Amino acid sequence: MATSRRIERVAELIKREVSQMLLSGIKDDRVGAGIVSVTDVQVAGDLQHAKIFVSIYGTSEAKAETMAGLKSATGFVRSELGQRIRLRRTPEVLFLEDASLERGDKVLSLLNRLSQERERSAPSDLVEEE
């Protein structure tokens, strides 16, 4: 079992290297269908598995196409990580879509709409009763 500090360092290294691969290493055209960024990497305590969370900007079709391209490139990504990061065993890679940015945007728009509705429904001249 690796220490939590080592797990965090390995996760950061994987995040940086996969981000570089997304820019120039992965040649699959499906990956370029949407704008992809690595938002988080979770590495298991035994350093055998890595969940890579990606945020994809684009239509739902582009997101599905990009996820299919990433899933087909997992072997390439794992072999590249093995060459770039010196570990005894290269972790198994799993790409997962991170929808937290979209959920946050939806919550912000709902809050803004509520704020606007409150401003419209509140009287403009508040009269205090004495």
Protein backbone atom coordinates (compact mmCIF):
# COMPACT_ATOMS: atom_id res chain seq x y z
CA MET A 1 0.00 0.00 0.00
CA ALA A 2 1.46 3.34 -1.04
CA THR A 3 1.37 6.41 1.16
CA SER A 4 -1.27 9.03 0.45
CA ARG A 5 1.43 11.51 -0.57
CA ARG A 6 2.82 9.10 -3.14
CA ILE A 7 -0.66 8.36 -4.46
CA GLU A 8 -1.27 12.11 -4.92
CA ARG A 9 2.08 12.54 -6.71
CA VAL A 10 1.36 9.64 -9.06
CA ALA A 11 -2.14 11.03 -9.75
CA GLU A 12 -0.67 14.45 -10.61
CA LEU A 13 1.92 12.87 -12.90
CA ILE A 14 -0.75 10.85 -14.68
CA LYS A 15 -2.94 13.96 -15.03
CA ARG A 16 -0.10 15.96 -16.56
CA GLU A 17 1.02 13.20 -18.93
CA VAL A 18 -2.49 12.34 -20.14
CA SER A 19 -3.15 16.06 -20.73
CA GLN A 20 -0.03 16.17 -22.90
CA MET A 21 -1.18 13.06 -24.77
CA LEU A 22 -4.57 14.66 -25.44
CA LEU A 23 -2.82 17.63 -27.01
CA SER A 24 -0.40 15.78 -29.25
CA GLY A 25 -0.17 12.04 -28.63
CA ILE A 26 -3.56 10.50 -29.35
CA LYS A 27 -4.11 10.37 -33.10
CA ASP A 28 -7.71 9.09 -33.00
CA ASP A 29 -9.94 11.63 -34.79
CA ARG A 30 -12.84 10.84 -32.46
CA VAL A 31 -10.93 12.32 -29.51
CA GLY A 32 -10.78 15.67 -31.32
CA ALA A 33 -14.56 15.79 -31.82
CA GLY A 34 -15.04 17.75 -28.58
CA ILE A 35 -12.76 19.90 -26.48
CA VAL A 36 -11.33 17.54 -23.84
CA SER A 37 -9.61 18.37 -20.57
CA VAL A 38 -8.51 16.17 -17.70
CA THR A 39 -10.26 17.36 -14.53
CA ASP A 40 -9.14 14.76 -12.00
CA VAL A 41 -7.28 11.49 -11.60
CA GLN A 42 -7.99 9.02 -8.80
CA VAL A 43 -5.38 6.35 -8.21
CA ALA A 44 -6.11 3.26 -6.12
CA GLY A 45 -4.10 2.71 -2.94
CA ASP A 46 -2.11 -0.12 -4.52
CA LEU A 47 -1.35 2.01 -7.62
CA GLN A 48 -2.90 -0.66 -9.87
CA HIS A 49 -5.89 1.31 -11.19
CA ALA A 50 -6.32 4.92 -12.28
CA LYS A 51 -9.64 6.61 -12.99
CA ILE A 52 -9.16 9.57 -15.30
CA PHE A 53 -12.02 12.05 -15.23
CA VAL A 54 -12.38 14.14 -18.38
CA SER A 55 -14.60 17.07 -19.15
CA ILE A 56 -15.79 17.29 -22.74
CA TYR A 57 -17.22 20.46 -24.24
CA GLY A 58 -19.47 19.95 -27.21
CA THR A 59 -22.71 18.36 -28.34
CA SER A 60 -23.90 15.09 -26.87
CA GLU A 61 -22.89 13.31 -30.08
CA ALA A 62 -19.39 14.78 -29.86
CA LYS A 63 -19.17 13.72 -26.21
CA ALA A 64 -20.18 10.14 -27.01
CA GLU A 65 -17.76 10.02 -29.93
CA THR A 66 -14.92 11.42 -27.81
CA MET A 67 -15.56 8.94 -24.99
CA ALA A 68 -15.54 6.08 -27.53
CA GLY A 69 -12.21 7.34 -28.88
CA LEU A 70 -10.74 7.61 -25.39
CA LYS A 71 -11.89 4.11 -24.46
CA SER A 72 -10.31 2.70 -27.60
CA ALA A 73 -7.06 4.55 -26.81
CA THR A 74 -6.70 3.16 -23.26
CA GLY A 75 -4.06 0.64 -24.33
CA PHE A 76 -1.99 3.34 -26.00
CA VAL A 77 -2.38 5.66 -23.00
CA ARG A 78 -1.32 2.93 -20.59
CA SER A 79 1.75 2.01 -22.63
CA GLU A 80 2.75 5.67 -22.94
CA LEU A 81 2.31 6.16 -19.20
CA GLY A 82 4.55 3.13 -18.64
CA GLN A 83 7.28 4.77 -20.70
CA ARG A 84 6.88 8.25 -19.23
CA ILE A 85 6.35 7.41 -15.56
CA ARG A 86 8.73 5.05 -13.82
CA LEU A 87 6.60 2.62 -11.79
CA ARG A 88 6.96 -1.10 -11.22
CA ARG A 89 3.54 -1.69 -12.72
CA THR A 90 1.66 0.73 -14.88
CA PRO A 91 -1.87 1.21 -13.56
CA GLU A 92 -4.92 0.10 -15.53
CA VAL A 93 -6.53 3.18 -17.06
CA LEU A 94 -10.25 3.95 -17.08
CA PHE A 95 -11.69 7.09 -18.64
CA LEU A 96 -14.84 8.53 -17.06
CA GLU A 97 -16.80 11.59 -18.12
CA ASP A 98 -16.88 14.32 -15.48
CA ALA A 99 -20.16 16.21 -15.68
CA SER A 100 -19.56 18.32 -12.57
CA LEU A 101 -18.84 21.47 -14.60
CA GLU A 102 -22.16 21.12 -16.42
CA ARG A 103 -24.02 20.51 -13.16
CA GLY A 104 -22.35 23.56 -11.62
CA ASP A 105 -23.31 25.68 -14.61
CA LYS A 106 -26.91 24.46 -14.35
CA VAL A 107 -27.05 25.30 -10.63
CA LEU A 108 -25.63 28.78 -11.28
CA SER A 109 -28.19 29.47 -13.99
CA LEU A 110 -31.00 28.34 -11.67
CA LEU A 111 -29.71 30.60 -8.90
CA ASN A 112 -29.48 33.55 -11.29
CA ARG A 113 -33.04 32.93 -12.49
CA LEU A 114 -34.30 32.78 -8.89
CA SER A 115 -32.50 36.01 -8.09
CA GLN A 116 -34.06 37.75 -11.10
CA GLU A 117 -37.54 36.49 -10.17
CA ARG A 118 -37.13 37.79 -6.62
CA GLU A 119 -36.08 41.20 -7.90
CA ARG A 120 -39.14 41.35 -10.16
CA SER A 121 -41.58 40.25 -7.49
CA ALA A 122 -40.22 42.53 -4.74
CA PRO A 123 -41.71 46.05 -4.68
CA SER A 124 -39.25 48.67 -5.79
CA ASP A 125 -40.14 51.12 -2.99
CA LEU A 126 -40.01 49.39 0.32
CA VAL A 127 -42.27 51.11 2.80
CA GLU A 128 -41.45 50.41 6.38
CA GLU A 129 -44.31 50.32 8.83
CA GLU A 130 -43.84 52.24 12.03
